[in-house]
């Protein structure tokens, strides 16, 4: 793993830690936090892939690393992902403020 790869993973872990803080204070569910980490992780991976392609370097596969970080945030992420895919369309159910 090179320095750029390590920095991208460190950024993802930092983001995941912030999401877990929001879970701990009751601002987000683990399900939402896991989804946000997953989407952020794949965005970082795409940016790294583009950078590497432009530099003519091999593109690392970060999918396994991303999945491990997501599962740290939401241990039920695989099941939650399946439920979202089964929803037509997936959406958010936000409580109304009074």
N, C-alpha and C. Protein backbone atom coordinates (compact mmCIF):
# COMPACT_ATOMS: atom_id res chain seq x y z
N UNK A 1 0.86 -1.17 0.00
CA UNK A 1 0.00 0.00 0.00
C UNK A 1 0.90 1.23 0.00
N UNK A 2 0.64 2.16 -0.90
CA UNK A 2 1.47 3.37 -0.97
C UNK A 2 0.88 4.49 -0.12
N UNK A 3 1.60 5.60 -0.06
CA UNK A 3 1.19 6.70 0.81
C UNK A 3 -0.17 7.28 0.43
N UNK A 4 -0.45 7.44 -0.85
CA UNK A 4 -1.73 7.99 -1.27
C UNK A 4 -2.88 7.06 -0.86
N UNK A 5 -2.70 5.78 -1.07
CA UNK A 5 -3.70 4.78 -0.67
C UNK A 5 -3.93 4.87 0.84
N UNK A 6 -2.86 4.93 1.62
CA UNK A 6 -2.96 5.03 3.07
C UNK A 6 -3.67 6.30 3.51
N UNK A 7 -3.39 7.40 2.83
CA UNK A 7 -4.04 8.68 3.20
C UNK A 7 -5.52 8.66 2.89
N UNK A 8 -5.90 8.03 1.78
CA UNK A 8 -7.32 7.92 1.44
C UNK A 8 -8.04 7.07 2.51
N UNK A 9 -7.43 5.96 2.90
CA UNK A 9 -8.05 5.13 3.94
C UNK A 9 -8.10 5.84 5.28
N UNK A 10 -7.08 6.61 5.61
CA UNK A 10 -7.08 7.38 6.85
C UNK A 10 -8.21 8.41 6.84
N UNK A 11 -8.43 9.04 5.70
CA UNK A 11 -9.53 10.01 5.57
C UNK A 11 -10.88 9.32 5.75
N UNK A 12 -11.02 8.14 5.16
CA UNK A 12 -12.27 7.39 5.31
C UNK A 12 -12.49 7.00 6.77
N UNK A 13 -11.46 6.57 7.43
CA UNK A 13 -11.59 6.20 8.85
C UNK A 13 -11.93 7.42 9.71
N UNK A 14 -11.35 8.58 9.39
CA UNK A 14 -11.68 9.81 10.12
C UNK A 14 -13.15 10.16 9.95
N UNK A 15 -13.61 10.05 8.71
CA UNK A 15 -15.02 10.34 8.42
C UNK A 15 -15.93 9.35 9.18
N UNK A 16 -15.55 8.08 9.17
CA UNK A 16 -16.32 7.06 9.87
C UNK A 16 -16.37 7.35 11.37
N UNK A 17 -15.27 7.78 11.94
CA UNK A 17 -15.24 8.12 13.37
C UNK A 17 -16.20 9.26 13.68
N UNK A 18 -16.28 10.23 12.79
CA UNK A 18 -17.22 11.34 12.98
C UNK A 18 -18.66 10.86 12.88
N UNK A 19 -18.92 9.94 11.97
CA UNK A 19 -20.27 9.40 11.86
C UNK A 19 -20.63 8.64 13.14
N UNK A 20 -19.68 7.89 13.70
CA UNK A 20 -19.94 7.16 14.94
C UNK A 20 -20.20 8.10 16.10
N UNK A 21 -19.54 9.26 16.10
CA UNK A 21 -19.84 10.26 17.14
C UNK A 21 -21.29 10.73 17.01
N UNK A 22 -21.75 10.92 15.77
CA UNK A 22 -23.13 11.32 15.55
C UNK A 22 -24.10 10.21 15.97
N UNK A 23 -23.72 8.96 15.75
CA UNK A 23 -24.55 7.84 16.21
C UNK A 23 -24.62 7.87 17.74
N UNK A 24 -23.48 8.05 18.38
CA UNK A 24 -23.42 8.04 19.85
C UNK A 24 -24.27 9.15 20.47
N UNK A 25 -24.34 10.29 19.80
CA UNK A 25 -25.14 11.40 20.36
C UNK A 25 -26.59 11.36 19.91
N UNK A 26 -26.94 10.34 19.12
CA UNK A 26 -28.34 10.15 18.71
C UNK A 26 -28.77 10.95 17.50
N UNK A 27 -27.83 11.51 16.76
CA UNK A 27 -28.16 12.33 15.59
C UNK A 27 -28.39 11.49 14.34
N UNK A 28 -27.79 10.29 14.29
CA UNK A 28 -27.93 9.40 13.12
C UNK A 28 -28.09 7.97 13.61
N UNK A 29 -28.72 7.16 12.80
CA UNK A 29 -28.75 5.72 13.07
C UNK A 29 -27.48 5.10 12.51
N UNK A 30 -27.14 3.92 12.97
CA UNK A 30 -26.00 3.20 12.41
C UNK A 30 -26.24 2.91 10.93
N UNK A 31 -27.48 2.64 10.58
CA UNK A 31 -27.82 2.36 9.19
C UNK A 31 -27.49 3.56 8.29
N UNK A 32 -27.91 4.75 8.69
CA UNK A 32 -27.61 5.95 7.90
C UNK A 32 -26.12 6.24 7.90
N UNK A 33 -25.49 6.14 9.05
CA UNK A 33 -24.05 6.41 9.14
C UNK A 33 -23.27 5.46 8.24
N UNK A 34 -23.64 4.18 8.24
CA UNK A 34 -22.96 3.21 7.38
C UNK A 34 -23.13 3.54 5.91
N UNK A 35 -24.33 3.94 5.52
CA UNK A 35 -24.58 4.33 4.13
C UNK A 35 -23.74 5.54 3.74
N UNK A 36 -23.68 6.53 4.61
CA UNK A 36 -22.88 7.72 4.32
C UNK A 36 -21.40 7.37 4.18
N UNK A 37 -20.90 6.52 5.05
CA UNK A 37 -19.50 6.10 4.98
C UNK A 37 -19.26 5.33 3.68
N UNK A 38 -20.18 4.46 3.32
CA UNK A 38 -20.04 3.69 2.09
C UNK A 38 -19.97 4.61 0.87
N UNK A 39 -20.88 5.53 0.77
CA UNK A 39 -20.90 6.44 -0.39
C UNK A 39 -19.66 7.33 -0.41
N UNK A 40 -19.25 7.83 0.74
CA UNK A 40 -18.04 8.66 0.82
C UNK A 40 -16.83 7.83 0.42
N UNK A 41 -16.75 6.61 0.91
CA UNK A 41 -15.63 5.72 0.59
C UNK A 41 -15.52 5.45 -0.89
N UNK A 42 -16.65 5.16 -1.55
CA UNK A 42 -16.59 4.90 -2.99
C UNK A 42 -16.28 6.17 -3.78
N UNK A 43 -16.66 7.33 -3.27
CA UNK A 43 -16.27 8.58 -3.91
C UNK A 43 -14.76 8.81 -3.80
N UNK A 44 -14.21 8.54 -2.62
CA UNK A 44 -12.76 8.66 -2.45
C UNK A 44 -12.03 7.66 -3.35
N UNK A 45 -12.55 6.45 -3.43
CA UNK A 45 -11.92 5.42 -4.27
C UNK A 45 -11.93 5.83 -5.73
N UNK A 46 -13.02 6.42 -6.19
CA UNK A 46 -13.10 6.87 -7.58
C UNK A 46 -12.10 7.99 -7.85
N UNK A 47 -11.99 8.92 -6.90
CA UNK A 47 -11.02 10.01 -7.06
C UNK A 47 -9.59 9.46 -7.11
N UNK A 48 -9.30 8.48 -6.26
CA UNK A 48 -7.97 7.86 -6.28
C UNK A 48 -7.74 7.14 -7.60
N UNK A 49 -8.75 6.44 -8.10
CA UNK A 49 -8.62 5.72 -9.37
C UNK A 49 -8.33 6.69 -10.52
N UNK A 50 -9.04 7.79 -10.56
CA UNK A 50 -8.83 8.78 -11.62
C UNK A 50 -7.40 9.34 -11.53
N UNK A 51 -6.97 9.67 -10.33
CA UNK A 51 -5.62 10.20 -10.13
C UNK A 51 -4.58 9.20 -10.60
N UNK A 52 -4.74 7.94 -10.22
CA UNK A 52 -3.79 6.92 -10.60
C UNK A 52 -3.79 6.68 -12.11
N UNK A 53 -4.99 6.65 -12.72
CA UNK A 53 -5.08 6.45 -14.17
C UNK A 53 -4.36 7.56 -14.92
N UNK A 54 -4.58 8.81 -14.49
CA UNK A 54 -3.92 9.94 -15.15
C UNK A 54 -2.41 9.90 -15.00
N UNK A 55 -1.94 9.30 -13.91
CA UNK A 55 -0.49 9.19 -13.68
C UNK A 55 0.08 7.93 -14.30
N UNK A 56 -0.77 7.11 -14.94
CA UNK A 56 -0.30 5.88 -15.55
C UNK A 56 0.12 4.83 -14.54
N UNK A 57 -0.48 4.87 -13.36
CA UNK A 57 -0.14 3.93 -12.30
C UNK A 57 -1.27 2.92 -12.09
N UNK A 58 -0.96 1.78 -11.47
CA UNK A 58 -2.01 0.80 -11.20
C UNK A 58 -3.05 1.36 -10.24
N UNK A 59 -4.28 0.96 -10.46
CA UNK A 59 -5.39 1.43 -9.63
C UNK A 59 -5.68 0.39 -8.56
N UNK A 60 -5.59 0.78 -7.27
CA UNK A 60 -5.88 -0.19 -6.21
C UNK A 60 -7.37 -0.45 -6.10
N UNK A 61 -7.71 -1.66 -5.67
CA UNK A 61 -9.10 -2.00 -5.40
C UNK A 61 -9.36 -1.75 -3.92
N UNK A 62 -10.13 -0.74 -3.62
CA UNK A 62 -10.40 -0.37 -2.23
C UNK A 62 -11.69 -0.96 -1.69
N UNK A 63 -12.41 -1.74 -2.48
CA UNK A 63 -13.73 -2.24 -2.08
C UNK A 63 -13.67 -2.98 -0.74
N UNK A 64 -12.69 -3.85 -0.56
CA UNK A 64 -12.58 -4.60 0.69
C UNK A 64 -12.29 -3.70 1.88
N UNK A 65 -11.42 -2.71 1.68
CA UNK A 65 -11.11 -1.76 2.74
C UNK A 65 -12.35 -0.95 3.12
N UNK A 66 -13.08 -0.50 2.11
CA UNK A 66 -14.29 0.29 2.35
C UNK A 66 -15.31 -0.54 3.12
N UNK A 67 -15.50 -1.78 2.70
CA UNK A 67 -16.49 -2.65 3.36
C UNK A 67 -16.13 -2.86 4.83
N UNK A 68 -14.85 -3.04 5.14
CA UNK A 68 -14.45 -3.23 6.54
C UNK A 68 -14.77 -1.99 7.38
N UNK A 69 -14.52 -0.82 6.84
CA UNK A 69 -14.82 0.42 7.58
C UNK A 69 -16.33 0.58 7.75
N UNK A 70 -17.09 0.29 6.70
CA UNK A 70 -18.55 0.37 6.78
C UNK A 70 -19.07 -0.57 7.86
N UNK A 71 -18.56 -1.80 7.90
CA UNK A 71 -19.02 -2.76 8.90
C UNK A 71 -18.63 -2.36 10.32
N UNK A 72 -17.57 -1.58 10.47
CA UNK A 72 -17.24 -1.05 11.79
C UNK A 72 -18.31 -0.07 12.25
N UNK A 73 -18.87 0.67 11.32
CA UNK A 73 -19.91 1.66 11.64
C UNK A 73 -21.27 0.99 11.78
N UNK A 74 -21.60 0.09 10.86
CA UNK A 74 -22.90 -0.59 10.86
C UNK A 74 -22.67 -2.08 10.63
N UNK A 75 -22.60 -2.86 11.72
CA UNK A 75 -22.36 -4.29 11.57
C UNK A 75 -23.41 -5.01 10.73
N UNK A 76 -24.59 -4.43 10.56
CA UNK A 76 -25.66 -5.02 9.76
C UNK A 76 -25.74 -4.39 8.37
N UNK A 77 -24.66 -3.80 7.90
CA UNK A 77 -24.66 -3.06 6.64
C UNK A 77 -25.08 -3.91 5.45
N UNK A 78 -24.68 -5.16 5.41
CA UNK A 78 -25.03 -6.02 4.27
C UNK A 78 -26.55 -6.20 4.21
N UNK A 79 -27.16 -6.46 5.35
CA UNK A 79 -28.62 -6.61 5.40
C UNK A 79 -29.31 -5.29 5.07
N UNK A 80 -28.81 -4.20 5.62
CA UNK A 80 -29.41 -2.89 5.36
C UNK A 80 -29.30 -2.52 3.88
N UNK A 81 -28.17 -2.83 3.29
CA UNK A 81 -27.97 -2.56 1.85
C UNK A 81 -29.00 -3.33 1.03
N UNK A 82 -29.20 -4.57 1.37
CA UNK A 82 -30.17 -5.41 0.66
C UNK A 82 -31.58 -4.83 0.79
N UNK A 83 -31.93 -4.34 1.97
CA UNK A 83 -33.26 -3.74 2.16
C UNK A 83 -33.42 -2.48 1.30
N UNK A 84 -32.36 -1.68 1.22
CA UNK A 84 -32.43 -0.47 0.37
C UNK A 84 -32.61 -0.84 -1.08
N UNK A 85 -31.88 -1.87 -1.54
CA UNK A 85 -31.99 -2.29 -2.94
C UNK A 85 -33.38 -2.86 -3.24
N UNK A 86 -34.00 -3.47 -2.25
CA UNK A 86 -35.34 -4.04 -2.43
C UNK A 86 -36.42 -2.96 -2.43
N UNK A 87 -36.13 -1.82 -1.85
CA UNK A 87 -37.11 -0.73 -1.80
C UNK A 87 -37.22 -0.12 -3.20
N UNK A 88 -38.42 0.28 -3.54
CA UNK A 88 -38.63 0.83 -4.88
C UNK A 88 -39.46 2.11 -4.79
N UNK A 89 -38.90 3.25 -4.84
CA UNK A 89 -37.49 3.59 -4.71
C UNK A 89 -37.11 3.70 -3.24
N UNK A 90 -35.82 3.66 -2.96
CA UNK A 90 -35.34 3.87 -1.60
C UNK A 90 -35.51 5.35 -1.27
N UNK A 91 -35.73 5.64 -0.03
CA UNK A 91 -35.90 7.03 0.38
C UNK A 91 -35.57 7.21 1.84
N UNK A 92 -35.84 8.38 2.34
CA UNK A 92 -35.63 8.68 3.75
C UNK A 92 -36.96 8.96 4.42
N UNK A 93 -37.12 8.45 5.62
CA UNK A 93 -38.30 8.75 6.41
C UNK A 93 -37.83 9.63 7.57
N UNK A 94 -37.97 10.93 7.39
CA UNK A 94 -37.50 11.88 8.41
C UNK A 94 -38.65 12.33 9.27
N UNK A 95 -38.45 12.38 10.59
CA UNK A 95 -39.51 12.86 11.47
C UNK A 95 -39.73 14.36 11.27
N UNK A 96 -40.96 14.76 11.43
CA UNK A 96 -41.27 16.21 11.32
C UNK A 96 -40.96 16.88 12.64
N UNK A 97 -40.42 18.08 12.54
CA UNK A 97 -40.17 18.87 13.75
C UNK A 97 -41.45 19.57 14.15
N UNK A 98 -41.59 19.74 15.41
CA UNK A 98 -42.81 20.40 15.91
C UNK A 98 -42.55 21.83 16.25
